[in-house]
Protein backbone atom coordinates (compact mmCIF):
# COMPACT_ATOMS: atom_id res chain seq x y z
CA UNK A 1 0.00 0.00 0.00
CA UNK A 2 1.17 3.52 -0.82
CA UNK A 3 0.56 6.46 1.53
CA UNK A 4 0.85 9.96 0.09
CA UNK A 5 1.25 12.98 2.34
CA UNK A 6 -0.09 16.06 0.56
CA UNK A 7 1.19 19.46 1.71
CA UNK A 8 0.06 22.92 0.74
CA UNK A 9 3.05 25.26 0.45
CA UNK A 10 3.85 27.72 3.23
CA UNK A 11 2.68 31.30 3.45
CA UNK A 12 3.38 33.79 0.65
CA UNK A 13 2.49 37.48 0.43
CA UNK A 14 -0.34 36.56 -1.95
CA UNK A 15 -1.78 33.84 0.26
CA UNK A 16 -1.62 36.29 3.17
CA UNK A 17 -3.61 38.83 1.13
CA UNK A 18 -5.96 36.24 -0.42
CA UNK A 19 -4.76 37.13 -3.92
CA UNK A 20 -4.96 34.82 -6.92
CA UNK A 21 -1.49 33.55 -7.84
CA UNK A 22 -1.60 30.48 -10.03
CA UNK A 23 1.07 31.10 -12.66
CA UNK A 24 2.81 33.84 -10.66
CA UNK A 25 5.95 32.56 -8.95
CA UNK A 26 5.54 34.17 -5.53
CA UNK A 27 8.20 33.28 -2.91
CA UNK A 28 7.58 32.23 0.67
CA UNK A 29 7.45 34.87 3.37
CA UNK A 30 9.63 34.56 6.47
CA UNK A 31 6.67 32.83 8.13
CA UNK A 32 6.40 30.54 5.13
CA UNK A 33 10.02 29.46 5.52
CA UNK A 34 9.39 28.79 9.22
CA UNK A 35 6.44 26.63 8.23
CA UNK A 36 8.66 24.65 5.86
CA UNK A 37 11.18 24.09 8.63
CA UNK A 38 8.44 23.02 11.04
CA UNK A 39 7.21 20.56 8.42
CA UNK A 40 10.66 18.98 8.29
CA UNK A 41 11.06 18.90 12.06
CA UNK A 42 7.66 17.32 12.73
CA UNK A 43 7.26 15.00 9.74
CA UNK A 44 10.91 14.14 9.15
CA UNK A 45 10.44 10.83 10.97
CA UNK A 46 8.43 9.50 8.03
CA UNK A 47 10.29 6.88 5.98
CA UNK A 48 9.61 8.77 2.77
CA UNK A 49 10.75 7.21 -0.48
CA UNK A 50 10.39 10.43 -2.45
CA UNK A 51 9.43 14.10 -2.20
CA UNK A 52 7.57 15.71 -5.10
CA UNK A 53 6.68 19.37 -5.65
CA UNK A 54 5.12 21.57 -8.27
CA UNK A 55 7.39 23.71 -10.39
CA UNK A 56 6.64 26.87 -8.39
CA UNK A 57 9.35 28.17 -6.06
CA UNK A 58 6.95 28.36 -3.10
CA UNK A 59 6.27 24.63 -3.36
CA UNK A 60 9.92 23.72 -3.92
CA UNK A 61 11.02 25.88 -0.96
CA UNK A 62 8.43 24.17 1.26
CA UNK A 63 9.61 20.72 0.18
CA UNK A 64 13.35 21.41 0.42
CA UNK A 65 13.93 21.25 4.22
CA UNK A 66 12.32 17.83 4.65
CA UNK A 67 13.94 16.53 1.46
CA UNK A 68 17.35 17.69 2.69
CA UNK A 69 16.76 16.13 6.10
CA UNK A 70 15.97 12.78 4.49
CA UNK A 71 18.72 13.19 1.87
CA UNK A 72 16.23 13.02 -0.98
CA UNK A 73 15.98 15.21 -4.09
CA UNK A 74 12.90 17.34 -4.65
CA UNK A 75 11.34 15.88 -7.78
CA UNK A 76 9.53 18.62 -9.70
CA UNK A 77 6.31 17.86 -11.56
CA UNK A 78 4.70 20.74 -13.44
CA UNK A 79 1.31 18.99 -13.39
CA UNK A 80 1.13 19.65 -9.63
CA UNK A 81 1.06 23.43 -10.22
CA UNK A 82 -1.76 25.70 -9.09
CA UNK A 83 -4.86 26.59 -11.10
CA UNK A 84 -4.16 29.14 -13.81
CA UNK A 85 -6.24 32.22 -12.99
CA UNK A 86 -5.70 34.00 -16.30
CA UNK A 87 -6.81 37.65 -16.16
CA UNK A 88 -7.24 37.43 -12.38
CA UNK A 89 -3.60 36.69 -11.60
CA UNK A 90 -2.30 38.98 -8.86
CA UNK A 91 -5.73 40.34 -7.91
CA UNK A 92 -7.42 39.70 -4.59
CA UNK A 93 -10.70 37.83 -4.49
CA UNK A 94 -12.45 41.03 -3.37
CA UNK A 95 -10.96 42.96 -6.31
CA UNK A 96 -12.11 40.32 -8.79
CA UNK A 97 -15.57 40.20 -7.29
CA UNK A 98 -15.88 43.98 -7.65
CA UNK A 99 -14.34 44.33 -11.12
CA UNK A 100 -15.67 41.14 -12.77
CA UNK A 101 -18.86 40.35 -10.81
CA UNK A 102 -20.56 38.31 -13.54
CA UNK A 103 -17.50 36.23 -14.41
CA UNK A 104 -16.64 35.72 -10.75
CA UNK A 105 -20.16 34.54 -9.92
CA UNK A 106 -20.20 32.14 -12.88
CA UNK A 107 -16.84 30.69 -11.86
CA UNK A 108 -17.78 30.46 -8.20
CA UNK A 109 -20.99 28.61 -9.05
CA UNK A 110 -19.48 26.21 -11.61
CA UNK A 111 -15.65 26.17 -11.49
CA UNK A 112 -15.71 22.70 -13.05
CA UNK A 113 -17.18 24.15 -16.26
CA UNK A 114 -16.38 27.87 -16.19
CA UNK A 115 -12.72 28.99 -16.00
CA UNK A 116 -11.45 32.38 -14.94
CA UNK A 117 -10.94 34.42 -18.15
CA UNK A 118 -7.94 32.81 -19.82
CA UNK A 119 -7.57 30.27 -17.01
CA UNK A 120 -8.38 26.65 -16.19
CA UNK A 121 -11.46 24.77 -15.06
CA UNK A 122 -11.44 22.40 -12.09
CA UNK A 123 -11.89 19.51 -14.52
CA UNK A 124 -8.70 20.47 -16.35
CA UNK A 125 -6.80 20.72 -13.08
CA UNK A 126 -8.13 17.34 -11.96
CA UNK A 127 -7.02 15.72 -15.21
CA UNK A 128 -3.42 16.92 -15.02
CA UNK A 129 -3.02 16.53 -11.24
CA UNK A 130 -4.54 13.04 -11.22
CA UNK A 131 -2.18 12.09 -14.06
CA UNK A 132 0.72 13.16 -11.85
CA UNK A 133 -0.58 11.05 -8.96
CA UNK A 134 -1.01 8.08 -11.30
CA UNK A 135 2.66 8.37 -12.32
CA UNK A 136 3.74 8.59 -8.68
CA UNK A 137 1.67 5.52 -7.81
CA UNK A 138 3.15 3.60 -10.73
CA UNK A 139 6.67 4.45 -9.54
CA UNK A 140 6.01 3.84 -5.81
CA UNK A 141 3.61 0.95 -5.26
CA UNK A 142 4.32 0.74 -1.51
CA UNK A 143 5.66 2.91 1.29
CA UNK A 144 5.23 6.67 1.68
CA UNK A 145 5.87 9.75 -0.44
CA UNK A 146 5.21 13.46 0.03
CA UNK A 147 3.64 15.81 -2.52
CA UNK A 148 3.86 19.60 -2.07
CA UNK A 149 1.34 21.50 -4.14
CA UNK A 150 -1.21 24.32 -3.94
CA UNK A 151 -4.55 25.24 -2.41
CA UNK A 152 -6.96 24.73 -5.31
CA UNK A 153 -5.05 21.80 -6.79
CA UNK A 154 -5.05 19.92 -3.49
CA UNK A 155 -8.71 20.67 -2.80
CA UNK A 156 -9.60 19.34 -6.25
CA UNK A 157 -7.50 16.21 -5.71
CA UNK A 158 -9.22 15.52 -2.39
CA UNK A 159 -12.62 15.85 -4.07
CA UNK A 160 -11.53 13.46 -6.83
CA UNK A 161 -10.25 10.89 -4.32
CA UNK A 162 -13.44 11.04 -2.24
CA UNK A 163 -15.94 11.00 -5.08
CA UNK A 164 -17.03 14.60 -4.46
CA UNK A 165 -17.77 16.60 -7.65
CA UNK A 166 -14.64 18.63 -8.36
CA UNK A 167 -16.81 21.68 -8.99
CA UNK A 168 -17.54 21.71 -5.25
CA UNK A 169 -13.91 22.05 -4.21
CA UNK A 170 -14.34 25.60 -2.89
CA UNK A 171 -17.45 24.63 -0.92
CA UNK A 172 -16.41 21.27 0.50
CA UNK A 173 -12.66 21.23 1.24
CA UNK A 174 -10.55 23.60 3.34
CA UNK A 175 -6.78 23.77 2.90
CA UNK A 176 -4.82 26.24 5.09
CA UNK A 177 -1.26 27.21 4.23
CA UNK A 178 1.25 24.48 5.15
CA UNK A 179 -1.61 22.04 5.84
CA UNK A 180 -0.86 18.32 5.67
CA UNK A 181 -3.35 15.76 4.37
CA UNK A 182 -2.74 12.03 4.02
CA UNK A 183 -4.31 9.41 1.78
CA UNK A 184 -3.74 5.65 1.80
CA UNK A 185 -4.17 4.09 -1.61
CA UNK A 186 -5.69 0.71 -0.76
CA UNK A 187 -7.01 -2.01 -3.04
CA UNK A 188 -10.51 -0.81 -2.11
CA UNK A 189 -9.70 2.76 -3.16
CA UNK A 190 -8.29 5.94 -1.60
CA UNK A 191 -8.73 6.26 2.17
CA UNK A 192 -8.43 9.77 3.60
CA UNK A 193 -6.78 9.60 7.02
CA UNK A 194 -5.81 13.24 7.59
CA UNK A 195 -7.14 16.48 6.09
CA UNK A 196 -5.76 20.01 6.31
CA UNK A 197 -3.80 19.49 9.53
CA UNK A 198 -1.72 22.39 10.85
CA UNK A 199 -1.43 21.33 14.50
CA UNK A 200 2.27 20.58 13.99
CA UNK A 201 3.01 24.28 13.39
CA UNK A 202 4.25 26.55 16.19
CA UNK A 203 1.26 28.21 17.82
CA UNK A 204 2.03 31.67 16.45
CA UNK A 205 1.96 30.30 12.88
CA UNK A 206 -1.28 28.33 13.09
CA UNK A 207 -3.34 31.49 12.88
CA UNK A 208 -1.10 33.21 10.33
CA UNK A 209 -2.96 35.02 7.59
CA UNK A 210 -3.06 33.08 4.37
CA UNK A 211 -5.19 30.22 5.63
C-alpha atoms as a PDB file:
ATOM      1  CA  UNK A   1       0.000   0.000   0.000  1.00  0.00           C
ATOM      2  CA  UNK A   2       1.169   3.519  -0.817  1.00  0.00           C
ATOM      3  CA  UNK A   3       0.565   6.456   1.527  1.00  0.00           C
ATOM      4  CA  UNK A   4       0.847   9.959   0.093  1.00  0.00           C
ATOM      5  CA  UNK A   5       1.248  12.983   2.344  1.00  0.00           C
ATOM      6  CA  UNK A   6      -0.087  16.056   0.558  1.00  0.00           C
ATOM      7  CA  UNK A   7       1.190  19.460   1.707  1.00  0.00           C
ATOM      8  CA  UNK A   8       0.064  22.917   0.739  1.00  0.00           C
ATOM      9  CA  UNK A   9       3.048  25.257   0.451  1.00  0.00           C
ATOM     10  CA  UNK A  10       3.846  27.717   3.228  1.00  0.00           C
ATOM     11  CA  UNK A  11       2.685  31.296   3.453  1.00  0.00           C
ATOM     12  CA  UNK A  12       3.375  33.793   0.652  1.00  0.00           C
ATOM     13  CA  UNK A  13       2.491  37.484   0.432  1.00  0.00           C
ATOM     14  CA  UNK A  14      -0.339  36.556  -1.951  1.00  0.00           C
ATOM     15  CA  UNK A  15      -1.783  33.842   0.262  1.00  0.00           C
ATOM     16  CA  UNK A  16      -1.621  36.294   3.172  1.00  0.00           C
ATOM     17  CA  UNK A  17      -3.608  38.833   1.126  1.00  0.00           C
ATOM     18  CA  UNK A  18      -5.962  36.242  -0.418  1.00  0.00           C
ATOM     19  CA  UNK A  19      -4.762  37.127  -3.922  1.00  0.00           C
ATOM     20  CA  UNK A  20      -4.958  34.820  -6.921  1.00  0.00           C
ATOM     21  CA  UNK A  21      -1.491  33.552  -7.839  1.00  0.00           C
ATOM     22  CA  UNK A  22      -1.600  30.483 -10.027  1.00  0.00           C
ATOM     23  CA  UNK A  23       1.065  31.095 -12.661  1.00  0.00           C
ATOM     24  CA  UNK A  24       2.813  33.841 -10.655  1.00  0.00           C
ATOM     25  CA  UNK A  25       5.954  32.565  -8.948  1.00  0.00           C
ATOM     26  CA  UNK A  26       5.539  34.167  -5.533  1.00  0.00           C
ATOM     27  CA  UNK A  27       8.198  33.280  -2.907  1.00  0.00           C
ATOM     28  CA  UNK A  28       7.578  32.234   0.672  1.00  0.00           C
ATOM     29  CA  UNK A  29       7.454  34.871   3.370  1.00  0.00           C
ATOM     30  CA  UNK A  30       9.632  34.563   6.466  1.00  0.00           C
ATOM     31  CA  UNK A  31       6.671  32.830   8.129  1.00  0.00           C
ATOM     32  CA  UNK A  32       6.397  30.539   5.125  1.00  0.00           C
ATOM     33  CA  UNK A  33      10.015  29.465   5.525  1.00  0.00           C
ATOM     34  CA  UNK A  34       9.395  28.795   9.221  1.00  0.00           C
ATOM     35  CA  UNK A  35       6.436  26.631   8.227  1.00  0.00           C
ATOM     36  CA  UNK A  36       8.659  24.646   5.860  1.00  0.00           C
ATOM     37  CA  UNK A  37      11.182  24.093   8.633  1.00  0.00           C
ATOM     38  CA  UNK A  38       8.442  23.017  11.037  1.00  0.00           C
ATOM     39  CA  UNK A  39       7.207  20.561   8.420  1.00  0.00           C
ATOM     40  CA  UNK A  40      10.659  18.976   8.285  1.00  0.00           C
ATOM     41  CA  UNK A  41      11.064  18.897  12.059  1.00  0.00           C
ATOM     42  CA  UNK A  42       7.664  17.316  12.727  1.00  0.00           C
ATOM     43  CA  UNK A  43       7.258  15.000   9.738  1.00  0.00           C
ATOM     44  CA  UNK A  44      10.913  14.141   9.147  1.00  0.00           C
ATOM     45  CA  UNK A  45      10.435  10.829  10.971  1.00  0.00           C
ATOM     46  CA  UNK A  46       8.431   9.498   8.029  1.00  0.00           C
ATOM     47  CA  UNK A  47      10.290   6.878   5.978  1.00  0.00           C
ATOM     48  CA  UNK A  48       9.609   8.765   2.769  1.00  0.00           C
ATOM     49  CA  UNK A  49      10.749   7.212  -0.481  1.00  0.00           C
ATOM     50  CA  UNK A  50      10.394  10.432  -2.452  1.00  0.00           C
ATOM     51  CA  UNK A  51       9.431  14.101  -2.197  1.00  0.00           C
ATOM     52  CA  UNK A  52       7.571  15.710  -5.099  1.00  0.00           C
ATOM     53  CA  UNK A  53       6.679  19.366  -5.652  1.00  0.00           C
ATOM     54  CA  UNK A  54       5.118  21.573  -8.274  1.00  0.00           C
ATOM     55  CA  UNK A  55       7.391  23.713 -10.392  1.00  0.00           C
ATOM     56  CA  UNK A  56       6.645  26.872  -8.390  1.00  0.00           C
ATOM     57  CA  UNK A  57       9.351  28.166  -6.059  1.00  0.00           C
ATOM     58  CA  UNK A  58       6.949  28.357  -3.101  1.00  0.00           C
ATOM     59  CA  UNK A  59       6.271  24.629  -3.357  1.00  0.00           C
ATOM     60  CA  UNK A  60       9.917  23.717  -3.918  1.00  0.00           C
ATOM     61  CA  UNK A  61      11.019  25.876  -0.959  1.00  0.00           C
ATOM     62  CA  UNK A  62       8.431  24.175   1.262  1.00  0.00           C
ATOM     63  CA  UNK A  63       9.610  20.724   0.180  1.00  0.00           C
ATOM     64  CA  UNK A  64      13.350  21.409   0.420  1.00  0.00           C
ATOM     65  CA  UNK A  65      13.932  21.253   4.217  1.00  0.00           C
ATOM     66  CA  UNK A  66      12.315  17.835   4.654  1.00  0.00           C
ATOM     67  CA  UNK A  67      13.936  16.529   1.463  1.00  0.00           C
ATOM     68  CA  UNK A  68      17.349  17.695   2.693  1.00  0.00           C
ATOM     69  CA  UNK A  69      16.765  16.132   6.103  1.00  0.00           C
ATOM     70  CA  UNK A  70      15.973  12.783   4.492  1.00  0.00           C
ATOM     71  CA  UNK A  71      18.724  13.187   1.867  1.00  0.00           C
ATOM     72  CA  UNK A  72      16.227  13.022  -0.984  1.00  0.00           C
ATOM     73  CA  UNK A  73      15.982  15.215  -4.088  1.00  0.00           C
ATOM     74  CA  UNK A  74      12.904  17.342  -4.653  1.00  0.00           C
ATOM     75  CA  UNK A  75      11.339  15.880  -7.780  1.00  0.00           C
ATOM     76  CA  UNK A  76       9.532  18.618  -9.698  1.00  0.00           C
ATOM     77  CA  UNK A  77       6.315  17.856 -11.557  1.00  0.00           C
ATOM     78  CA  UNK A  78       4.695  20.737 -13.435  1.00  0.00           C
ATOM     79  CA  UNK A  79       1.310  18.991 -13.391  1.00  0.00           C
ATOM     80  CA  UNK A  80       1.126  19.648  -9.632  1.00  0.00           C
ATOM     81  CA  UNK A  81       1.059  23.430 -10.221  1.00  0.00           C
ATOM     82  CA  UNK A  82      -1.756  25.704  -9.086  1.00  0.00           C
ATOM     83  CA  UNK A  83      -4.861  26.586 -11.098  1.00  0.00           C
ATOM     84  CA  UNK A  84      -4.165  29.143 -13.809  1.00  0.00           C
ATOM     85  CA  UNK A  85      -6.243  32.218 -12.986  1.00  0.00           C
ATOM     86  CA  UNK A  86      -5.698  33.998 -16.303  1.00  0.00           C
ATOM     87  CA  UNK A  87      -6.808  37.647 -16.163  1.00  0.00           C
ATOM     88  CA  UNK A  88      -7.242  37.432 -12.383  1.00  0.00           C
ATOM     89  CA  UNK A  89      -3.596  36.689 -11.597  1.00  0.00           C
ATOM     90  CA  UNK A  90      -2.298  38.984  -8.861  1.00  0.00           C
ATOM     91  CA  UNK A  91      -5.733  40.341  -7.912  1.00  0.00           C
ATOM     92  CA  UNK A  92      -7.416  39.705  -4.588  1.00  0.00           C
ATOM     93  CA  UNK A  93     -10.704  37.829  -4.493  1.00  0.00           C
ATOM     94  CA  UNK A  94     -12.453  41.033  -3.369  1.00  0.00           C
ATOM     95  CA  UNK A  95     -10.958  42.963  -6.313  1.00  0.00           C
ATOM     96  CA  UNK A  96     -12.110  40.322  -8.786  1.00  0.00           C
ATOM     97  CA  UNK A  97     -15.575  40.199  -7.285  1.00  0.00           C
ATOM     98  CA  UNK A  98     -15.882  43.980  -7.646  1.00  0.00           C
ATOM     99  CA  UNK A  99     -14.340  44.326 -11.121  1.00  0.00           C
ATOM    100  CA  UNK A 100     -15.670  41.139 -12.766  1.00  0.00           C
ATOM    101  CA  UNK A 101     -18.863  40.352 -10.811  1.00  0.00           C
ATOM    102  CA  UNK A 102     -20.556  38.309 -13.539  1.00  0.00           C
ATOM    103  CA  UNK A 103     -17.501  36.232 -14.407  1.00  0.00           C
ATOM    104  CA  UNK A 104     -16.638  35.716 -10.750  1.00  0.00           C
ATOM    105  CA  UNK A 105     -20.158  34.541  -9.921  1.00  0.00           C
ATOM    106  CA  UNK A 106     -20.202  32.140 -12.885  1.00  0.00           C
ATOM    107  CA  UNK A 107     -16.842  30.690 -11.865  1.00  0.00           C
ATOM    108  CA  UNK A 108     -17.783  30.456  -8.201  1.00  0.00           C
ATOM    109  CA  UNK A 109     -20.991  28.606  -9.054  1.00  0.00           C
ATOM    110  CA  UNK A 110     -19.479  26.210 -11.607  1.00  0.00           C
ATOM    111  CA  UNK A 111     -15.647  26.167 -11.491  1.00  0.00           C
ATOM    112  CA  UNK A 112     -15.706  22.705 -13.050  1.00  0.00           C
ATOM    113  CA  UNK A 113     -17.179  24.147 -16.263  1.00  0.00           C
ATOM    114  CA  UNK A 114     -16.377  27.873 -16.194  1.00  0.00           C
ATOM    115  CA  UNK A 115     -12.722  28.988 -16.004  1.00  0.00           C
ATOM    116  CA  UNK A 116     -11.454  32.381 -14.940  1.00  0.00           C
ATOM    117  CA  UNK A 117     -10.944  34.423 -18.152  1.00  0.00           C
ATOM    118  CA  UNK A 118      -7.943  32.813 -19.817  1.00  0.00           C
ATOM    119  CA  UNK A 119      -7.571  30.267 -17.009  1.00  0.00           C
ATOM    120  CA  UNK A 120      -8.381  26.652 -16.188  1.00  0.00           C
ATOM    121  CA  UNK A 121     -11.457  24.767 -15.056  1.00  0.00           C
ATOM    122  CA  UNK A 122     -11.440  22.402 -12.092  1.00  0.00           C
ATOM    123  CA  UNK A 123     -11.886  19.511 -14.524  1.00  0.00           C
ATOM    124  CA  UNK A 124      -8.696  20.466 -16.354  1.00  0.00           C
ATOM    125  CA  UNK A 125      -6.803  20.719 -13.078  1.00  0.00           C
ATOM    126  CA  UNK A 126      -8.127  17.338 -11.959  1.00  0.00           C
ATOM    127  CA  UNK A 127      -7.020  15.723 -15.212  1.00  0.00           C
ATOM    128  CA  UNK A 128      -3.419  16.915 -15.016  1.00  0.00           C
ATOM    129  CA  UNK A 129      -3.021  16.528 -11.244  1.00  0.00           C
ATOM    130  CA  UNK A 130      -4.536  13.037 -11.219  1.00  0.00           C
ATOM    131  CA  UNK A 131      -2.183  12.093 -14.060  1.00  0.00           C
ATOM    132  CA  UNK A 132       0.716  13.158 -11.850  1.00  0.00           C
ATOM    133  CA  UNK A 133      -0.579  11.046  -8.956  1.00  0.00           C
ATOM    134  CA  UNK A 134      -1.007   8.078 -11.303  1.00  0.00           C
ATOM    135  CA  UNK A 135       2.659   8.372 -12.322  1.00  0.00           C
ATOM    136  CA  UNK A 136       3.739   8.588  -8.683  1.00  0.00           C
ATOM    137  CA  UNK A 137       1.671   5.517  -7.809  1.00  0.00           C
ATOM    138  CA  UNK A 138       3.150   3.601 -10.732  1.00  0.00           C
ATOM    139  CA  UNK A 139       6.667   4.445  -9.536  1.00  0.00           C
ATOM    140  CA  UNK A 140       6.014   3.835  -5.813  1.00  0.00           C
ATOM    141  CA  UNK A 141       3.605   0.954  -5.260  1.00  0.00           C
ATOM    142  CA  UNK A 142       4.318   0.741  -1.506  1.00  0.00           C
ATOM    143  CA  UNK A 143       5.655   2.911   1.291  1.00  0.00           C
ATOM    144  CA  UNK A 144       5.231   6.673   1.683  1.00  0.00           C
ATOM    145  CA  UNK A 145       5.870   9.755  -0.435  1.00  0.00           C
ATOM    146  CA  UNK A 146       5.212  13.462   0.034  1.00  0.00           C
ATOM    147  CA  UNK A 147       3.643  15.809  -2.520  1.00  0.00           C
ATOM    148  CA  UNK A 148       3.861  19.601  -2.066  1.00  0.00           C
ATOM    149  CA  UNK A 149       1.342  21.501  -4.136  1.00  0.00           C
ATOM    150  CA  UNK A 150      -1.209  24.325  -3.942  1.00  0.00           C
ATOM    151  CA  UNK A 151      -4.554  25.240  -2.408  1.00  0.00           C
ATOM    152  CA  UNK A 152      -6.957  24.726  -5.306  1.00  0.00           C
ATOM    153  CA  UNK A 153      -5.055  21.801  -6.795  1.00  0.00           C
ATOM    154  CA  UNK A 154      -5.050  19.917  -3.494  1.00  0.00           C
ATOM    155  CA  UNK A 155      -8.712  20.666  -2.795  1.00  0.00           C
ATOM    156  CA  UNK A 156      -9.604  19.336  -6.245  1.00  0.00           C
ATOM    157  CA  UNK A 157      -7.500  16.210  -5.713  1.00  0.00           C
ATOM    158  CA  UNK A 158      -9.218  15.518  -2.391  1.00  0.00           C
ATOM    159  CA  UNK A 159     -12.615  15.846  -4.069  1.00  0.00           C
ATOM    160  CA  UNK A 160     -11.532  13.459  -6.827  1.00  0.00           C
ATOM    161  CA  UNK A 161     -10.251  10.893  -4.320  1.00  0.00           C
ATOM    162  CA  UNK A 162     -13.438  11.044  -2.239  1.00  0.00           C
ATOM    163  CA  UNK A 163     -15.937  11.004  -5.084  1.00  0.00           C
ATOM    164  CA  UNK A 164     -17.025  14.604  -4.461  1.00  0.00           C
ATOM    165  CA  UNK A 165     -17.775  16.596  -7.649  1.00  0.00           C
ATOM    166  CA  UNK A 166     -14.641  18.628  -8.365  1.00  0.00           C
ATOM    167  CA  UNK A 167     -16.811  21.680  -8.990  1.00  0.00           C
ATOM    168  CA  UNK A 168     -17.541  21.709  -5.254  1.00  0.00           C
ATOM    169  CA  UNK A 169     -13.906  22.047  -4.213  1.00  0.00           C
ATOM    170  CA  UNK A 170     -14.336  25.600  -2.886  1.00  0.00           C
ATOM    171  CA  UNK A 171     -17.453  24.631  -0.918  1.00  0.00           C
ATOM    172  CA  UNK A 172     -16.414  21.265   0.502  1.00  0.00           C
ATOM    173  CA  UNK A 173     -12.656  21.225   1.244  1.00  0.00           C
ATOM    174  CA  UNK A 174     -10.546  23.604   3.336  1.00  0.00           C
ATOM    175  CA  UNK A 175      -6.775  23.769   2.897  1.00  0.00           C
ATOM    176  CA  UNK A 176      -4.817  26.236   5.085  1.00  0.00           C
ATOM    177  CA  UNK A 177      -1.260  27.210   4.232  1.00  0.00           C
ATOM    178  CA  UNK A 178       1.250  24.478   5.153  1.00  0.00           C
ATOM    179  CA  UNK A 179      -1.610  22.044   5.841  1.00  0.00           C
ATOM    180  CA  UNK A 180      -0.857  18.320   5.674  1.00  0.00           C
ATOM    181  CA  UNK A 181      -3.350  15.763   4.369  1.00  0.00           C
ATOM    182  CA  UNK A 182      -2.744  12.034   4.024  1.00  0.00           C
ATOM    183  CA  UNK A 183      -4.307   9.406   1.783  1.00  0.00           C
ATOM    184  CA  UNK A 184      -3.735   5.649   1.805  1.00  0.00           C
ATOM    185  CA  UNK A 185      -4.173   4.088  -1.615  1.00  0.00           C
ATOM    186  CA  UNK A 186      -5.689   0.713  -0.764  1.00  0.00           C
ATOM    187  CA  UNK A 187      -7.014  -2.010  -3.041  1.00  0.00           C
ATOM    188  CA  UNK A 188     -10.508  -0.814  -2.108  1.00  0.00           C
ATOM    189  CA  UNK A 189      -9.704   2.758  -3.156  1.00  0.00           C
ATOM    190  CA  UNK A 190      -8.294   5.940  -1.597  1.00  0.00           C
ATOM    191  CA  UNK A 191      -8.728   6.257   2.174  1.00  0.00           C
ATOM    192  CA  UNK A 192      -8.432   9.769   3.600  1.00  0.00           C
ATOM    193  CA  UNK A 193      -6.776   9.600   7.022  1.00  0.00           C
ATOM    194  CA  UNK A 194      -5.805  13.244   7.586  1.00  0.00           C
ATOM    195  CA  UNK A 195      -7.145  16.478   6.094  1.00  0.00           C
ATOM    196  CA  UNK A 196      -5.761  20.006   6.313  1.00  0.00           C
ATOM    197  CA  UNK A 197      -3.800  19.493   9.532  1.00  0.00           C
ATOM    198  CA  UNK A 198      -1.721  22.394  10.854  1.00  0.00           C
ATOM    199  CA  UNK A 199      -1.431  21.330  14.500  1.00  0.00           C
ATOM    200  CA  UNK A 200       2.271  20.579  13.990  1.00  0.00           C
ATOM    201  CA  UNK A 201       3.014  24.275  13.391  1.00  0.00           C
ATOM    202  CA  UNK A 202       4.250  26.548  16.190  1.00  0.00           C
ATOM    203  CA  UNK A 203       1.262  28.208  17.824  1.00  0.00           C
ATOM    204  CA  UNK A 204       2.027  31.666  16.453  1.00  0.00           C
ATOM    205  CA  UNK A 205       1.959  30.299  12.881  1.00  0.00           C
ATOM    206  CA  UNK A 206      -1.276  28.330  13.091  1.00  0.00           C
ATOM    207  CA  UNK A 207      -3.340  31.492  12.876  1.00  0.00           C
ATOM    208  CA  UNK A 208      -1.097  33.207  10.330  1.00  0.00           C
ATOM    209  CA  UNK A 209      -2.960  35.024   7.589  1.00  0.00           C
ATOM    210  CA  UNK A 210      -3.063  33.080   4.375  1.00  0.00           C
ATOM    211  CA  UNK A 211      -5.190  30.219   5.626  1.00  0.00           C
END
